[in-house]
Amino acid sequence: MSCIVGGFHVNYHTKPGSYEHIMGIAEGGNMALMAGVGPMGLGAIDYALHNSRRPSLLVVTDIDAARLARAASLYTVEEAAKNGVKLVYLNGPTTEELMSLTDGKGYNDVYVYAPVAPLIEQADAILAFDGCLNFFAGPTDPAFSAKLNFYEVHYSARHIAGNSGGNTADMMESLELMAAGKIDPSAMITHIGGLDAVIDTTLNLPSIPGGKKLIYNQISMPLTAIIDFEKLGETDALYKKLAGLTAANNGLWNAECEKYLLEHAKPIGDYK
């Protein structure tokens, strides 16, 4: 979560006649999260809606209908409106569709959550004057690149930001918001497992769908998707209880689940 918070703080804007960088997103501005319903994107939506500096328009795009639907159920349009934000989810929108939502003005802050060149180029195309493009995704290819419109860099004062990780202040802010119940990073978690699941999970991580995998070191448990609890609960009392506890919390892992798991799961071994 601190990485996400750092991403919001590292963006910057300027004002005519001054060389001072005004750090942070444009308050009350237009924001787009591109490929924004993966685990980190979900955290970004949560933070955008519930921190002290919010956009007035938040557009979240992706090309996965199921993940968009899940995001929309976790962070609803109605909840966003209560916080003064117009929230829009779009599946594979065109540049024209995105621009129409801003009456042609563009977006003050655009975040790219997947290392895909056409996505970066679309993000560049929808920037407003003095807009900041944040490339949040971490590519594995050292030569990864995409085209940018340098005419607009010169004449429209567009700029680029990026960060890898957050600092101590970002971590503290994240913890404070969690403790206050303003943000809930459990939305990122899709799988639960014990210490004996770590090796296979690590070796096969690229082929395992979903979001974050939460491991409890003191128990023995295969890596299990939360959405599979109900099916597994037909023959296993542990999963049946966990299915009920997650269902009561909009399908999310929570403190009650953790407490029950640690009290009833098979211990990993003797620590004496």
Protein backbone atom coordinates (compact mmCIF):
# COMPACT_ATOMS: atom_id res chain seq x y z
CA MET A 1 0.00 0.00 0.00
CA SER A 2 2.90 2.36 0.69
CA CYS A 3 4.01 1.95 -2.95
CA ILE A 4 0.58 3.13 -4.09
CA VAL A 5 0.64 6.08 -1.69
CA GLY A 6 4.11 6.97 -2.95
CA GLY A 7 2.76 6.93 -6.50
CA PHE A 8 0.21 9.57 -5.59
CA HIS A 9 2.81 11.73 -3.84
CA VAL A 10 5.45 11.50 -6.58
CA ASN A 11 3.17 13.05 -9.22
CA TYR A 12 3.57 16.79 -9.60
CA HIS A 13 2.11 19.83 -11.29
CA THR A 14 3.21 23.38 -12.01
CA LYS A 15 1.72 26.84 -12.33
CA PRO A 16 2.48 29.49 -14.96
CA GLY A 17 5.30 31.83 -14.03
CA SER A 18 6.77 29.54 -11.41
CA TYR A 19 9.38 26.78 -11.55
CA GLU A 20 8.17 25.25 -8.33
CA HIS A 21 6.83 21.70 -8.57
CA ILE A 22 3.57 21.25 -6.68
CA MET A 23 3.81 17.69 -5.43
CA GLY A 24 0.89 15.28 -5.44
CA ILE A 25 -2.14 14.74 -7.63
CA ALA A 26 -4.30 17.63 -8.78
CA GLU A 27 -6.95 18.02 -6.10
CA GLY A 28 -10.40 18.02 -7.68
CA GLY A 29 -8.89 17.14 -11.04
CA ASN A 30 -9.45 14.36 -13.55
CA MET A 31 -7.66 11.06 -12.90
CA ALA A 32 -7.42 7.84 -14.93
CA LEU A 33 -6.14 4.47 -13.74
CA MET A 34 -5.20 2.44 -16.83
CA ALA A 35 -5.27 -1.35 -16.37
CA GLY A 36 -6.45 -0.37 -12.94
CA VAL A 37 -8.24 -3.40 -11.50
CA GLY A 38 -5.30 -5.66 -10.65
CA PRO A 39 -4.29 -5.91 -6.99
CA MET A 40 -2.32 -2.65 -6.95
CA GLY A 41 -5.00 -0.92 -9.00
CA LEU A 42 -7.64 -1.89 -6.44
CA GLY A 43 -5.52 -0.32 -3.72
CA ALA A 44 -5.16 2.81 -5.84
CA ILE A 45 -8.93 3.11 -6.28
CA ASP A 46 -9.39 2.72 -2.53
CA TYR A 47 -6.77 5.37 -1.78
CA ALA A 48 -8.03 7.77 -4.45
CA LEU A 49 -11.51 7.67 -2.93
CA HIS A 50 -10.59 7.81 0.75
CA ASN A 51 -7.46 9.89 1.26
CA SER A 52 -7.57 13.61 1.99
CA ARG A 53 -6.72 14.76 -1.57
CA ARG A 54 -9.12 13.32 -4.14
CA PRO A 55 -9.89 13.82 -7.84
CA SER A 56 -13.36 14.91 -8.91
CA LEU A 57 -13.40 12.36 -11.75
CA LEU A 58 -11.83 8.91 -11.48
CA VAL A 59 -11.91 6.70 -14.58
CA VAL A 60 -10.73 3.10 -14.20
CA THR A 61 -10.01 1.07 -17.32
CA ASP A 62 -9.15 -2.56 -18.02
CA ILE A 63 -9.85 -5.28 -20.60
CA ASP A 64 -10.96 -7.95 -18.12
CA ALA A 65 -14.73 -7.78 -17.58
CA ALA A 66 -14.67 -10.07 -14.54
CA ARG A 67 -12.03 -8.02 -12.75
CA LEU A 68 -13.83 -4.79 -13.61
CA ALA A 69 -17.05 -6.22 -12.17
CA ARG A 70 -15.28 -7.23 -8.97
CA ALA A 71 -13.73 -3.77 -8.61
CA ALA A 72 -17.13 -2.14 -9.16
CA SER A 73 -18.63 -4.31 -6.42
CA LEU A 74 -15.86 -3.40 -3.97
CA TYR A 75 -15.68 0.31 -4.77
CA THR A 76 -19.09 1.37 -5.92
CA VAL A 77 -20.11 4.44 -7.85
CA GLU A 78 -22.38 5.34 -4.93
CA GLU A 79 -19.55 5.10 -2.38
CA ALA A 80 -17.36 7.28 -4.56
CA ALA A 81 -20.11 9.90 -4.91
CA LYS A 82 -20.33 10.14 -1.11
CA ASN A 83 -16.68 11.22 -1.18
CA GLY A 84 -17.21 13.75 -3.95
CA VAL A 85 -15.77 11.61 -6.74
CA LYS A 86 -17.46 10.63 -9.99
CA LEU A 87 -16.26 7.07 -10.56
CA VAL A 88 -16.46 5.43 -14.00
CA TYR A 89 -15.38 1.90 -14.96
CA LEU A 90 -14.64 1.25 -18.66
CA ASN A 91 -13.75 -1.92 -20.53
CA GLY A 92 -11.19 -1.25 -23.26
CA PRO A 93 -12.22 2.34 -23.97
CA THR A 94 -11.06 4.31 -26.99
CA THR A 95 -9.14 7.53 -26.54
CA GLU A 96 -12.20 9.41 -27.77
CA GLU A 97 -14.38 7.81 -25.09
CA LEU A 98 -11.93 8.76 -22.39
CA MET A 99 -11.62 12.34 -23.59
CA SER A 100 -15.38 12.76 -23.85
CA LEU A 101 -15.71 12.20 -20.10
CA THR A 102 -13.60 15.31 -19.53
CA ASP A 103 -15.33 17.46 -22.18
CA GLY A 104 -12.11 17.28 -24.18
CA LYS A 105 -9.92 18.77 -21.44
CA GLY A 106 -8.02 15.57 -20.64
CA TYR A 107 -6.70 14.13 -17.41
CA ASN A 108 -4.49 15.85 -14.87
CA ASP A 109 -3.13 12.55 -13.51
CA VAL A 110 -2.92 9.29 -15.45
CA TYR A 111 -1.55 6.09 -13.91
CA VAL A 112 -0.48 3.10 -16.01
CA TYR A 113 -0.61 -0.18 -14.11
CA ALA A 114 0.55 -2.54 -16.87
CA PRO A 115 3.77 -2.41 -18.94
CA VAL A 116 2.02 -2.29 -22.30
CA ALA A 117 3.28 0.18 -24.89
CA PRO A 118 -0.11 0.98 -26.51
CA LEU A 119 -1.55 1.63 -23.06
CA ILE A 120 1.21 4.10 -22.26
CA GLU A 121 0.66 5.82 -25.59
CA GLN A 122 -3.07 6.11 -24.89
CA ALA A 123 -2.29 7.50 -21.46
CA ASP A 124 -0.04 10.10 -23.08
CA ALA A 125 -2.78 11.02 -25.55
CA ILE A 126 -5.35 11.81 -22.84
CA LEU A 127 -3.19 14.06 -20.68
CA ALA A 128 -4.44 17.56 -19.99
CA PHE A 129 -2.28 20.68 -20.00
CA ASP A 130 0.32 20.23 -17.23
CA GLY A 131 -0.81 16.61 -16.96
CA CYS A 132 1.37 14.04 -15.23
CA LEU A 133 1.71 10.48 -16.52
CA ASN A 134 2.77 8.03 -13.81
CA PHE A 135 4.24 4.78 -15.13
CA PHE A 136 3.58 2.59 -12.09
CA ALA A 137 3.98 -0.83 -13.70
CA GLY A 138 7.37 -2.51 -13.35
CA PRO A 139 8.55 -3.97 -16.69
CA THR A 140 10.88 -6.96 -16.77
CA ASP A 141 12.43 -5.96 -20.11
CA PRO A 142 15.27 -3.41 -19.61
CA ALA A 143 14.71 -2.19 -23.17
CA PHE A 144 10.95 -1.65 -22.74
CA SER A 145 9.87 1.62 -24.39
CA ALA A 146 6.87 3.43 -25.83
CA LYS A 147 6.23 6.52 -27.96
CA LEU A 148 5.53 9.87 -26.30
CA ASN A 149 4.34 13.09 -27.90
CA PHE A 150 7.16 15.53 -27.29
CA TYR A 151 5.30 18.33 -29.05
CA GLU A 152 2.88 18.19 -26.12
CA VAL A 153 5.73 17.93 -23.62
CA HIS A 154 6.97 21.27 -24.95
CA TYR A 155 3.71 23.13 -25.58
CA SER A 156 1.37 21.54 -23.03
CA ALA A 157 3.86 21.11 -20.18
CA ARG A 158 3.20 17.39 -19.91
CA HIS A 159 5.50 15.35 -17.70
CA ILE A 160 6.25 11.83 -16.50
CA ALA A 161 6.73 10.40 -13.03
CA GLY A 162 7.39 6.97 -11.59
CA ASN A 163 8.36 5.30 -8.37
CA SER A 164 9.40 1.91 -7.11
CA GLY A 165 8.29 1.49 -3.51
CA GLY A 166 7.25 4.05 -0.94
CA ASN A 167 9.22 5.80 1.78
CA THR A 168 8.77 5.75 5.56
CA ALA A 169 6.17 8.54 5.47
CA ASP A 170 4.15 6.60 2.86
CA MET A 171 4.22 3.53 5.09
CA MET A 172 3.09 5.54 8.11
CA GLU A 173 0.25 7.13 6.14
CA SER A 174 -0.86 3.71 4.89
CA LEU A 175 -0.93 2.26 8.40
CA GLU A 176 -2.79 5.28 9.77
CA LEU A 177 -5.47 5.04 7.07
CA MET A 178 -5.83 1.28 7.67
CA ALA A 179 -6.09 1.76 11.45
CA ALA A 180 -8.75 4.43 10.94
CA GLY A 181 -10.73 2.09 8.70
CA LYS A 182 -10.53 4.45 5.75
CA ILE A 183 -8.80 1.99 3.40
CA ASP A 184 -8.90 -1.82 3.31
CA PRO A 185 -6.01 -3.50 1.48
CA SER A 186 -7.62 -6.93 1.94
CA ALA A 187 -9.21 -6.36 -1.47
CA MET A 188 -5.81 -7.18 -2.96
CA ILE A 189 -5.73 -10.66 -1.40
CA THR A 190 -7.14 -13.55 -3.44
CA HIS A 191 -5.29 -16.61 -2.05
CA ILE A 192 -4.40 -17.94 1.40
CA GLY A 193 -1.77 -20.55 2.24
CA GLY A 194 0.57 -21.94 4.85
CA LEU A 195 4.36 -22.03 5.03
CA ASP A 196 4.46 -25.33 3.16
CA ALA A 197 2.81 -23.66 0.15
CA VAL A 198 5.59 -21.09 -0.33
CA ILE A 199 7.95 -23.06 -2.61
CA ASP A 200 5.35 -24.14 -5.16
CA THR A 201 3.66 -20.75 -5.05
CA THR A 202 6.92 -18.91 -5.68
CA LEU A 203 8.00 -21.22 -8.50
CA ASN A 204 4.62 -21.05 -10.24
CA LEU A 205 3.56 -17.48 -9.42
CA PRO A 206 3.31 -16.26 -13.04
CA SER A 207 0.75 -18.99 -13.82
CA ILE A 208 -1.38 -18.46 -10.70
CA PRO A 209 -4.23 -16.02 -11.40
CA GLY A 210 -5.64 -13.45 -9.01
CA GLY A 211 -4.00 -10.93 -6.73
CA LYS A 212 -1.83 -11.12 -3.64
CA LYS A 213 -1.07 -14.45 -1.98
CA LEU A 214 -1.14 -14.26 1.82
CA ILE A 215 1.00 -16.83 3.65
CA TYR A 216 0.72 -17.74 7.34
CA ASN A 217 4.08 -19.09 8.49
CA GLN A 218 2.77 -21.08 11.45
CA ILE A 219 0.25 -23.30 9.64
CA SER A 220 0.16 -26.05 7.04
CA MET A 221 -2.23 -25.23 4.19
CA PRO A 222 -2.08 -25.50 0.40
CA LEU A 223 -2.39 -22.23 -1.48
CA THR A 224 -6.16 -21.79 -1.80
CA ALA A 225 -8.21 -19.21 -3.66
CA ILE A 226 -10.79 -17.48 -1.50
CA ILE A 227 -13.41 -18.08 -4.19
CA ASP A 228 -12.84 -21.83 -3.77
CA PHE A 229 -13.66 -21.88 -0.04
CA GLU A 230 -17.36 -22.58 -0.60
CA LYS A 231 -16.73 -25.62 -2.84
CA LEU A 232 -14.06 -26.99 -0.52
CA GLY A 233 -16.37 -26.39 2.42
CA GLU A 234 -18.69 -29.12 1.16
CA THR A 235 -16.24 -31.69 2.54
CA ASP A 236 -14.05 -29.66 4.92
CA ALA A 237 -15.35 -27.86 8.03
CA LEU A 238 -12.44 -25.39 8.08
CA TYR A 239 -13.17 -24.12 4.58
CA LYS A 240 -16.91 -24.08 5.26
CA LYS A 241 -16.40 -21.69 8.16
CA LEU A 242 -13.95 -19.53 6.20
CA ALA A 243 -16.41 -19.38 3.29
CA GLY A 244 -19.08 -18.03 5.61
CA LEU A 245 -16.76 -15.45 7.16
CA THR A 246 -15.58 -14.13 3.81
CA ALA A 247 -19.10 -14.13 2.35
CA ALA A 248 -20.21 -11.91 5.23
CA ASN A 249 -17.47 -9.42 4.27
CA ASN A 250 -18.18 -9.05 0.54
CA GLY A 251 -15.90 -11.98 -0.28
CA LEU A 252 -12.86 -10.38 1.36
CA TRP A 253 -10.36 -11.86 3.78
CA ASN A 254 -10.69 -10.24 7.21
CA ALA A 255 -9.61 -10.34 10.86
CA GLU A 256 -12.26 -12.89 11.83
CA CYS A 257 -11.02 -15.23 9.11
CA GLU A 258 -7.45 -14.87 10.28
CA LYS A 259 -8.35 -15.53 13.91
CA TYR A 260 -10.37 -18.64 13.03
CA LEU A 261 -7.68 -19.95 10.68
CA LEU A 262 -4.89 -19.61 13.23
CA GLU A 263 -6.99 -21.32 15.91
CA HIS A 264 -8.15 -24.26 13.77
CA ALA A 265 -5.66 -24.87 10.95
CA LYS A 266 -3.06 -27.62 11.17
CA PRO A 267 0.19 -26.30 12.73
CA ILE A 268 3.23 -26.39 10.47
CA GLY A 269 5.33 -28.22 13.09
CA ASP A 270 6.81 -28.20 16.56
CA TYR A 271 8.56 -24.89 17.35
CA LYS A 272 10.09 -26.09 20.64
